[in-house]
C-alpha atoms as a PDB file:
ATOM      1  CA  TYR A   1       5.348  61.549  46.596  1.00  0.00           C
ATOM      2  CA  GLN A   2       4.697  59.605  49.708  1.00  0.00           C
ATOM      3  CA  ARG A   3       7.580  59.047  51.989  1.00  0.00           C
ATOM      4  CA  ARG A   4       7.979  55.538  53.195  1.00  0.00           C
ATOM      5  CA  VAL A   5       9.423  55.051  56.595  1.00  0.00           C
ATOM      6  CA  ARG A   6      11.150  51.756  56.944  1.00  0.00           C
ATOM      7  CA  GLY A   7      11.512  50.666  60.497  1.00  0.00           C
ATOM      8  CA  ILE A   8      13.555  48.016  62.174  1.00  0.00           C
ATOM      9  CA  ASN A   9      11.122  45.287  61.073  1.00  0.00           C
ATOM     10  CA  PHE A  10      11.817  45.971  57.388  1.00  0.00           C
ATOM     11  CA  TYR A  11      15.493  45.103  57.572  1.00  0.00           C
ATOM     12  CA  GLN A  12      16.268  41.528  58.375  1.00  0.00           C
ATOM     13  CA  LYS A  13      19.580  39.721  58.445  1.00  0.00           C
ATOM     14  CA  GLU A  14      19.801  36.689  56.253  1.00  0.00           C
ATOM     15  CA  HIS A  15      22.238  33.789  56.471  1.00  0.00           C
ATOM     16  CA  THR A  16      24.630  33.451  53.560  1.00  0.00           C
ATOM     17  CA  LYS A  17      25.001  29.674  53.720  1.00  0.00           C
ATOM     18  CA  PRO A  18      21.610  28.777  52.168  1.00  0.00           C
ATOM     19  CA  LEU A  19      22.073  31.418  49.467  1.00  0.00           C
ATOM     20  CA  LEU A  20      25.532  30.198  48.494  1.00  0.00           C
ATOM     21  CA  ASN A  21      24.481  26.548  48.549  1.00  0.00           C
ATOM     22  CA  ASN A  22      21.320  27.155  46.484  1.00  0.00           C
ATOM     23  CA  LEU A  23      23.297  29.046  43.851  1.00  0.00           C
ATOM     24  CA  GLN A  24      26.234  26.615  44.141  1.00  0.00           C
ATOM     25  CA  LEU A  25      28.674  29.408  44.904  1.00  0.00           C
ATOM     26  CA  LEU A  26      31.745  28.914  47.048  1.00  0.00           C
ATOM     27  CA  SER A  27      32.455  30.969  50.142  1.00  0.00           C
ATOM     28  CA  VAL A  28      35.623  33.072  50.097  1.00  0.00           C
ATOM     29  CA  GLN A  29      37.568  30.520  52.175  1.00  0.00           C
ATOM     30  CA  ASN A  30      36.481  27.658  49.932  1.00  0.00           C
ATOM     31  CA  LEU A  31      37.086  29.701  46.784  1.00  0.00           C
ATOM     32  CA  PHE A  32      40.697  30.131  47.872  1.00  0.00           C
ATOM     33  CA  LYS A  33      41.044  26.345  48.270  1.00  0.00           C
ATOM     34  CA  TYR A  34      39.451  25.776  44.869  1.00  0.00           C
ATOM     35  CA  TYR A  35      41.934  28.104  43.186  1.00  0.00           C
ATOM     36  CA  CYS A  36      44.863  26.535  45.037  1.00  0.00           C
ATOM     37  CA  ILE A  37      43.852  23.095  43.749  1.00  0.00           C
ATOM     38  CA  SER A  38      43.332  24.227  40.166  1.00  0.00           C
ATOM     39  CA  GLU A  39      46.515  26.316  40.010  1.00  0.00           C
ATOM     40  CA  ILE A  40      48.794  23.655  41.532  1.00  0.00           C
ATOM     41  CA  PHE A  41      47.380  21.090  39.085  1.00  0.00           C
ATOM     42  CA  LYS A  42      47.973  23.442  36.129  1.00  0.00           C
ATOM     43  CA  ILE A  43      51.528  24.097  37.297  1.00  0.00           C
ATOM     44  CA  MET A  44      52.234  20.358  37.500  1.00  0.00           C
ATOM     45  CA  LYS A  45      50.490  19.546  34.205  1.00  0.00           C
ATOM     46  CA  PHE A  46      51.833  22.348  31.999  1.00  0.00           C
ATOM     47  CA  ARG A  47      55.134  22.924  33.863  1.00  0.00           C
ATOM     48  CA  CYS A  48      54.492  26.617  33.685  1.00  0.00           C
ATOM     49  CA  PRO A  49      55.629  28.927  35.240  1.00  0.00           C
ATOM     50  CA  TYR A  50      58.815  26.906  35.285  1.00  0.00           C
ATOM     51  CA  PRO A  51      60.321  28.412  38.470  1.00  0.00           C
ATOM     52  CA  LEU A  52      57.219  27.341  40.431  1.00  0.00           C
ATOM     53  CA  TYR A  53      57.181  23.924  38.789  1.00  0.00           C
ATOM     54  CA  ASN A  54      60.849  23.526  39.642  1.00  0.00           C
ATOM     55  CA  SER A  55      60.023  24.267  43.297  1.00  0.00           C
ATOM     56  CA  ILE A  56      57.459  21.449  43.467  1.00  0.00           C
ATOM     57  CA  ASN A  57      58.870  18.113  44.590  1.00  0.00           C
ATOM     58  CA  ILE A  58      56.547  15.294  43.480  1.00  0.00           C
ATOM     59  CA  SER A  59      56.997  11.996  45.291  1.00  0.00           C
ATOM     60  CA  THR A  60      58.473   9.198  43.198  1.00  0.00           C
ATOM     61  CA  ARG A  61      57.342   6.419  45.544  1.00  0.00           C
ATOM     62  CA  ASP A  62      53.921   6.144  43.966  1.00  0.00           C
ATOM     63  CA  THR A  63      52.025   7.465  40.965  1.00  0.00           C
ATOM     64  CA  THR A  64      49.414   9.445  42.878  1.00  0.00           C
ATOM     65  CA  LEU A  65      51.013  12.888  42.386  1.00  0.00           C
ATOM     66  CA  THR A  66      51.703  13.435  46.073  1.00  0.00           C
ATOM     67  CA  ILE A  67      53.737  16.576  46.637  1.00  0.00           C
ATOM     68  CA  ILE A  68      56.527  16.492  49.199  1.00  0.00           C
ATOM     69  CA  LEU A  69      55.827  19.534  51.304  1.00  0.00           C
ATOM     70  CA  PRO A  70      58.408  22.292  51.365  1.00  0.00           C
ATOM     71  CA  GLU A  71      59.524  23.834  54.633  1.00  0.00           C
ATOM     72  CA  LYS A  72      56.480  25.008  56.601  1.00  0.00           C
ATOM     73  CA  ASN A  73      55.616  28.617  55.849  1.00  0.00           C
ATOM     74  CA  LYS A  74      52.727  30.741  54.614  1.00  0.00           C
ATOM     75  CA  THR A  75      53.593  30.754  50.916  1.00  0.00           C
ATOM     76  CA  PHE A  76      51.297  29.720  48.097  1.00  0.00           C
ATOM     77  CA  LEU A  77      53.354  26.608  47.361  1.00  0.00           C
ATOM     78  CA  TYR A  78      53.139  25.260  50.888  1.00  0.00           C
ATOM     79  CA  ILE A  79      49.416  25.950  51.339  1.00  0.00           C
ATOM     80  CA  ALA A  80      48.470  24.707  47.860  1.00  0.00           C
ATOM     81  CA  ALA A  81      50.579  21.550  48.248  1.00  0.00           C
ATOM     82  CA  GLN A  82      48.979  20.822  51.610  1.00  0.00           C
ATOM     83  CA  ILE A  83      45.460  21.206  50.166  1.00  0.00           C
ATOM     84  CA  TRP A  84      46.403  19.201  47.056  1.00  0.00           C
ATOM     85  CA  ASN A  85      47.801  16.307  49.110  1.00  0.00           C
ATOM     86  CA  SER A  86      44.622  16.141  51.158  1.00  0.00           C
ATOM     87  CA  ILE A  87      42.250  15.600  48.228  1.00  0.00           C
ATOM     88  CA  HIS A  88      44.141  14.717  45.045  1.00  0.00           C
ATOM     89  CA  LYS A  89      43.302  11.007  45.327  1.00  0.00           C
ATOM     90  CA  ARG A  90      39.604  11.893  45.255  1.00  0.00           C
ATOM     91  CA  ILE A  91      39.769  14.072  42.144  1.00  0.00           C
ATOM     92  CA  VAL A  92      42.489  12.496  39.956  1.00  0.00           C
ATOM     93  CA  LYS A  93      42.774   8.816  39.066  1.00  0.00           C
ATOM     94  CA  SER A  94      46.167   7.396  39.915  1.00  0.00           C
ATOM     95  CA  ASP A  95      46.500   5.678  36.512  1.00  0.00           C
ATOM     96  CA  SER A  96      45.648   8.769  34.446  1.00  0.00           C
ATOM     97  CA  GLY A  97      47.427  11.343  36.612  1.00  0.00           C
ATOM     98  CA  LEU A  98      48.337  14.460  34.654  1.00  0.00           C
ATOM     99  CA  GLU A  99      46.385  13.264  31.608  1.00  0.00           C
ATOM    100  CA  THR A 100      43.197  14.377  33.359  1.00  0.00           C
ATOM    101  CA  SER A 101      41.852  17.596  31.874  1.00  0.00           C
ATOM    102  CA  VAL A 102      42.014  20.795  33.883  1.00  0.00           C
ATOM    103  CA  ASN A 103      38.258  21.330  33.524  1.00  0.00           C
ATOM    104  CA  LEU A 104      37.529  17.892  34.964  1.00  0.00           C
ATOM    105  CA  VAL A 105      39.799  18.553  37.949  1.00  0.00           C
ATOM    106  CA  LYS A 106      38.043  21.896  38.515  1.00  0.00           C
ATOM    107  CA  ILE A 107      34.587  20.297  38.363  1.00  0.00           C
ATOM    108  CA  ARG A 108      35.575  17.500  40.741  1.00  0.00           C
ATOM    109  CA  ALA A 109      37.239  19.911  43.180  1.00  0.00           C
ATOM    110  CA  LYS A 110      34.239  22.239  43.167  1.00  0.00           C
ATOM    111  CA  THR A 111      31.867  19.305  43.712  1.00  0.00           C
ATOM    112  CA  LEU A 112      33.903  18.090  46.685  1.00  0.00           C
ATOM    113  CA  ILE A 113      34.190  21.565  48.198  1.00  0.00           C
ATOM    114  CA  LEU A 114      30.465  22.270  47.712  1.00  0.00           C
ATOM    115  CA  GLU A 115      29.689  18.960  49.427  1.00  0.00           C
ATOM    116  CA  CYS A 116      31.742  20.046  52.438  1.00  0.00           C
ATOM    117  CA  GLN A 117      30.256  23.533  52.380  1.00  0.00           C
ATOM    118  CA  ALA A 118      26.705  22.142  52.509  1.00  0.00           C
ATOM    119  CA  ALA A 119      27.457  19.738  55.381  1.00  0.00           C
ATOM    120  CA  GLU A 120      26.284  20.103  58.966  1.00  0.00           C
ATOM    121  CA  GLU A 121      23.619  22.679  59.817  1.00  0.00           C
ATOM    122  CA  ARG A 122      21.534  24.181  57.036  1.00  0.00           C
ATOM    123  CA  ASP A 123      21.639  27.826  58.149  1.00  0.00           C
ATOM    124  CA  HIS A 124      24.827  28.165  60.175  1.00  0.00           C
ATOM    125  CA  TRP A 125      28.465  27.880  59.241  1.00  0.00           C
ATOM    126  CA  THR A 126      30.596  25.389  61.166  1.00  0.00           C
ATOM    127  CA  ASP A 127      34.298  24.560  61.003  1.00  0.00           C
ATOM    128  CA  LYS A 128      33.550  21.412  58.987  1.00  0.00           C
ATOM    129  CA  ASN A 129      32.187  23.538  56.141  1.00  0.00           C
ATOM    130  CA  PHE A 130      35.732  24.706  55.435  1.00  0.00           C
ATOM    131  CA  GLN A 131      37.677  21.477  56.084  1.00  0.00           C
ATOM    132  CA  ILE A 132      38.012  19.595  52.840  1.00  0.00           C
ATOM    133  CA  ILE A 133      40.945  17.746  54.368  1.00  0.00           C
ATOM    134  CA  HIS A 134      38.683  15.729  56.661  1.00  0.00           C
ATOM    135  CA  ALA A 135      35.717  15.514  54.307  1.00  0.00           C
ATOM    136  CA  ASN A 136      33.944  12.174  54.384  1.00  0.00           C
ATOM    137  CA  SER A 137      32.947  11.240  50.882  1.00  0.00           C
ATOM    138  CA  SER A 138      30.885   8.090  50.574  1.00  0.00           C
ATOM    139  CA  GLN A 139      31.750   7.745  46.896  1.00  0.00           C
ATOM    140  CA  ASP A 140      34.765   8.487  44.780  1.00  0.00           C
ATOM    141  CA  ILE A 141      34.225  11.633  42.809  1.00  0.00           C
ATOM    142  CA  PHE A 142      36.219  10.439  39.812  1.00  0.00           C
ATOM    143  CA  CYS A 143      33.936   7.467  39.150  1.00  0.00           C
ATOM    144  CA  SER A 144      30.904   9.507  38.187  1.00  0.00           C
ATOM    145  CA  THR A 145      30.533  13.183  38.778  1.00  0.00           C
ATOM    146  CA  LYS A 146      27.088  14.710  38.535  1.00  0.00           C
ATOM    147  CA  VAL A 147      27.008  18.476  38.563  1.00  0.00           C
ATOM    148  CA  THR A 148      23.759  20.413  38.698  1.00  0.00           C
ATOM    149  CA  HIS A 149      24.005  23.965  37.526  1.00  0.00           C
ATOM    150  CA  THR A 150      21.158  26.337  38.331  1.00  0.00           C
ATOM    151  CA  THR A 151      21.078  29.848  37.011  1.00  0.00           C
ATOM    152  CA  PRO A 152      19.478  32.529  39.189  1.00  0.00           C
ATOM    153  CA  ASP A 153      16.828  33.207  36.514  1.00  0.00           C
ATOM    154  CA  SER A 154      15.607  29.639  36.198  1.00  0.00           C
ATOM    155  CA  THR A 155      14.055  27.278  38.689  1.00  0.00           C
ATOM    156  CA  ALA A 156      15.138  24.083  36.957  1.00  0.00           C
ATOM    157  CA  GLY A 157      18.782  23.172  36.866  1.00  0.00           C
ATOM    158  CA  THR A 158      20.818  21.742  34.056  1.00  0.00           C
ATOM    159  CA  THR A 159      22.405  18.423  34.953  1.00  0.00           C
ATOM    160  CA  ILE A 160      25.716  17.436  33.433  1.00  0.00           C
ATOM    161  CA  ASP A 161      26.988  13.871  33.828  1.00  0.00           C
ATOM    162  CA  ILE A 162      30.722  13.439  33.549  1.00  0.00           C
ATOM    163  CA  ILE A 163      32.065   9.920  33.565  1.00  0.00           C
ATOM    164  CA  SER A 164      35.739   9.323  33.057  1.00  0.00           C
END
């Protein structure tokens, strides 16, 4: 058996941003936001768990499902409501509201978050990659959502068109 000596040139650091974007995976920070959006929508739609649903105060001024924020703190309800209020108009139609399916909300939220994650520099993370609140979207996501899913084993992606 020959012993291979691997020197400093063998090991090379690699940026995670291109890897995550190519595989359409969310970073940990963005994954947290994705789960906050999906869970707060499920709580509002299915009214379960009831104690959490009872804690959510939905605005009655309009039909856009805006949540009146509770007292500022670091709880799930406050953080999730803040994230929900920042993007709900881009992922849920105001006329359909809670009739929108959970899967469609998840796809639209992931598309929006991936768009923000891929913004700015190709190889380096910036603050804008984690700010879905100030994301500039040139088109409404609920009009036509096109999701391209690529598996690590294949080079060609599968495109799914979702029009609601």
